[in-house]
Amino acid sequence: MDPYEIILYPLMTESASLMIEKENKLVFIVNLKATKKDVKKAVEELYEVEVEKVNVLITPKSKKKAFVKLHPDYKAVDVAIKLGIL
């Protein structure tokens, strides 16, 4: 799958902004068919960072939400600024 098909858009809520600052995590809405490995590969490819861990959940509105924890060498704040969500 193409990385642009996997990562649909970044999610910016109050809790997501706290995760960026405190836990070095980014939150994305991703394709329902995407696996954790797909999400990890797509984020690393699109944003040139190293991903440590990916957790996913399916919301009640049938959207898949991915919580992407970045490697300590990379800052989620920098990626969020590059994306224009902070």
C-alpha atoms as a PDB file:
ATOM      1  CA  MET A   1       0.000   0.000   0.000  1.00  0.00           C
ATOM      2  CA  ASP A   2       1.105   3.545  -0.743  1.00  0.00           C
ATOM      3  CA  PRO A   3       1.992   5.601   2.390  1.00  0.00           C
ATOM      4  CA  TYR A   4      -0.475   8.304   1.308  1.00  0.00           C
ATOM      5  CA  GLU A   5      -3.258   5.683   1.245  1.00  0.00           C
ATOM      6  CA  ILE A   6      -2.346   4.442   4.727  1.00  0.00           C
ATOM      7  CA  ILE A   7      -2.077   7.780   6.589  1.00  0.00           C
ATOM      8  CA  LEU A   8      -5.297   9.674   5.915  1.00  0.00           C
ATOM      9  CA  TYR A   9      -4.732  12.715   8.179  1.00  0.00           C
ATOM     10  CA  PRO A  10      -3.210  13.747  11.531  1.00  0.00           C
ATOM     11  CA  LEU A  11      -5.614  14.182  14.422  1.00  0.00           C
ATOM     12  CA  MET A  12      -5.285  17.214  16.653  1.00  0.00           C
ATOM     13  CA  THR A  13      -7.342  17.269  19.830  1.00  0.00           C
ATOM     14  CA  GLU A  14      -6.557  18.539  23.292  1.00  0.00           C
ATOM     15  CA  SER A  15      -5.503  15.066  24.451  1.00  0.00           C
ATOM     16  CA  ALA A  16      -3.438  14.552  21.280  1.00  0.00           C
ATOM     17  CA  SER A  17      -1.540  17.791  21.918  1.00  0.00           C
ATOM     18  CA  LEU A  18      -0.744  16.604  25.456  1.00  0.00           C
ATOM     19  CA  MET A  19       0.543  13.313  24.031  1.00  0.00           C
ATOM     20  CA  ILE A  20       2.809  15.211  21.636  1.00  0.00           C
ATOM     21  CA  GLU A  21       4.353  17.187  24.473  1.00  0.00           C
ATOM     22  CA  LYS A  22       4.525  14.591  27.256  1.00  0.00           C
ATOM     23  CA  GLU A  23       4.748  11.175  25.569  1.00  0.00           C
ATOM     24  CA  ASN A  24       6.398  12.004  22.210  1.00  0.00           C
ATOM     25  CA  LYS A  25       3.389  10.504  20.370  1.00  0.00           C
ATOM     26  CA  LEU A  26       1.517  11.543  17.239  1.00  0.00           C
ATOM     27  CA  VAL A  27      -2.085  10.590  16.467  1.00  0.00           C
ATOM     28  CA  PHE A  28      -3.282   9.790  12.939  1.00  0.00           C
ATOM     29  CA  ILE A  29      -6.478   8.563  11.339  1.00  0.00           C
ATOM     30  CA  VAL A  30      -5.412   5.679   9.107  1.00  0.00           C
ATOM     31  CA  ASN A  31      -6.895   3.329   6.538  1.00  0.00           C
ATOM     32  CA  LEU A  32      -9.065   0.603   8.116  1.00  0.00           C
ATOM     33  CA  LYS A  33      -7.118  -2.089   6.265  1.00  0.00           C
ATOM     34  CA  ALA A  34      -3.698  -0.839   7.434  1.00  0.00           C
ATOM     35  CA  THR A  35      -1.742  -2.933   9.945  1.00  0.00           C
ATOM     36  CA  LYS A  36       0.587  -1.629  12.653  1.00  0.00           C
ATOM     37  CA  LYS A  37       3.573  -2.486  10.424  1.00  0.00           C
ATOM     38  CA  ASP A  38       2.020  -0.563   7.521  1.00  0.00           C
ATOM     39  CA  VAL A  39       1.480   2.493   9.732  1.00  0.00           C
ATOM     40  CA  LYS A  40       5.028   2.334  11.110  1.00  0.00           C
ATOM     41  CA  LYS A  41       6.544   2.078   7.625  1.00  0.00           C
ATOM     42  CA  ALA A  42       4.358   4.882   6.244  1.00  0.00           C
ATOM     43  CA  VAL A  43       5.152   7.321   9.093  1.00  0.00           C
ATOM     44  CA  GLU A  44       8.876   6.598   8.830  1.00  0.00           C
ATOM     45  CA  GLU A  45       8.776   7.097   5.063  1.00  0.00           C
ATOM     46  CA  LEU A  46       6.609  10.238   4.991  1.00  0.00           C
ATOM     47  CA  TYR A  47       8.050  12.147   7.938  1.00  0.00           C
ATOM     48  CA  GLU A  48      11.656  10.836   7.997  1.00  0.00           C
ATOM     49  CA  VAL A  49      11.535   9.752  11.650  1.00  0.00           C
ATOM     50  CA  GLU A  50      12.093   6.504  13.523  1.00  0.00           C
ATOM     51  CA  VAL A  51       9.007   4.912  15.087  1.00  0.00           C
ATOM     52  CA  GLU A  52       9.327   3.033  18.358  1.00  0.00           C
ATOM     53  CA  LYS A  53       5.784   1.720  18.783  1.00  0.00           C
ATOM     54  CA  VAL A  54       2.322   1.868  17.177  1.00  0.00           C
ATOM     55  CA  ASN A  55      -1.023   1.282  18.895  1.00  0.00           C
ATOM     56  CA  VAL A  56      -4.313   1.302  16.984  1.00  0.00           C
ATOM     57  CA  LEU A  57      -7.979   1.369  17.867  1.00  0.00           C
ATOM     58  CA  ILE A  58     -11.205   1.591  15.934  1.00  0.00           C
ATOM     59  CA  THR A  59     -13.460   4.440  17.005  1.00  0.00           C
ATOM     60  CA  PRO A  60     -17.252   4.122  17.358  1.00  0.00           C
ATOM     61  CA  LYS A  61     -17.506   6.047  14.069  1.00  0.00           C
ATOM     62  CA  SER A  62     -15.611   3.203  12.296  1.00  0.00           C
ATOM     63  CA  LYS A  63     -12.362   5.103  11.831  1.00  0.00           C
ATOM     64  CA  LYS A  64      -8.994   3.608  12.723  1.00  0.00           C
ATOM     65  CA  LYS A  65      -6.887   5.774  15.009  1.00  0.00           C
ATOM     66  CA  ALA A  66      -3.134   5.162  15.298  1.00  0.00           C
ATOM     67  CA  PHE A  67      -1.013   6.338  18.214  1.00  0.00           C
ATOM     68  CA  VAL A  68       2.590   6.517  16.988  1.00  0.00           C
ATOM     69  CA  LYS A  69       5.366   6.764  19.581  1.00  0.00           C
ATOM     70  CA  LEU A  70       8.558   8.187  18.114  1.00  0.00           C
ATOM     71  CA  HIS A  71      12.100   7.136  18.987  1.00  0.00           C
ATOM     72  CA  PRO A  72      13.619   9.428  21.688  1.00  0.00           C
ATOM     73  CA  ASP A  73      16.074  10.856  19.098  1.00  0.00           C
ATOM     74  CA  TYR A  74      13.110  12.448  17.259  1.00  0.00           C
ATOM     75  CA  LYS A  75      10.653  15.001  18.636  1.00  0.00           C
ATOM     76  CA  ALA A  76       6.932  14.719  17.940  1.00  0.00           C
ATOM     77  CA  VAL A  77       6.692  18.513  18.357  1.00  0.00           C
ATOM     78  CA  ASP A  78       8.989  19.019  15.341  1.00  0.00           C
ATOM     79  CA  VAL A  79       6.869  16.708  13.166  1.00  0.00           C
ATOM     80  CA  ALA A  80       3.644  18.386  14.368  1.00  0.00           C
ATOM     81  CA  ILE A  81       5.037  21.817  13.459  1.00  0.00           C
ATOM     82  CA  LYS A  82       6.081  20.502  10.029  1.00  0.00           C
ATOM     83  CA  LEU A  83       2.527  19.171   9.555  1.00  0.00           C
ATOM     84  CA  GLY A  84       1.066  22.513  10.609  1.00  0.00           C
ATOM     85  CA  ILE A  85      -1.010  21.107  13.475  1.00  0.00           C
ATOM     86  CA  LEU A  86       0.864  22.921  16.257  1.00  0.00           C
END
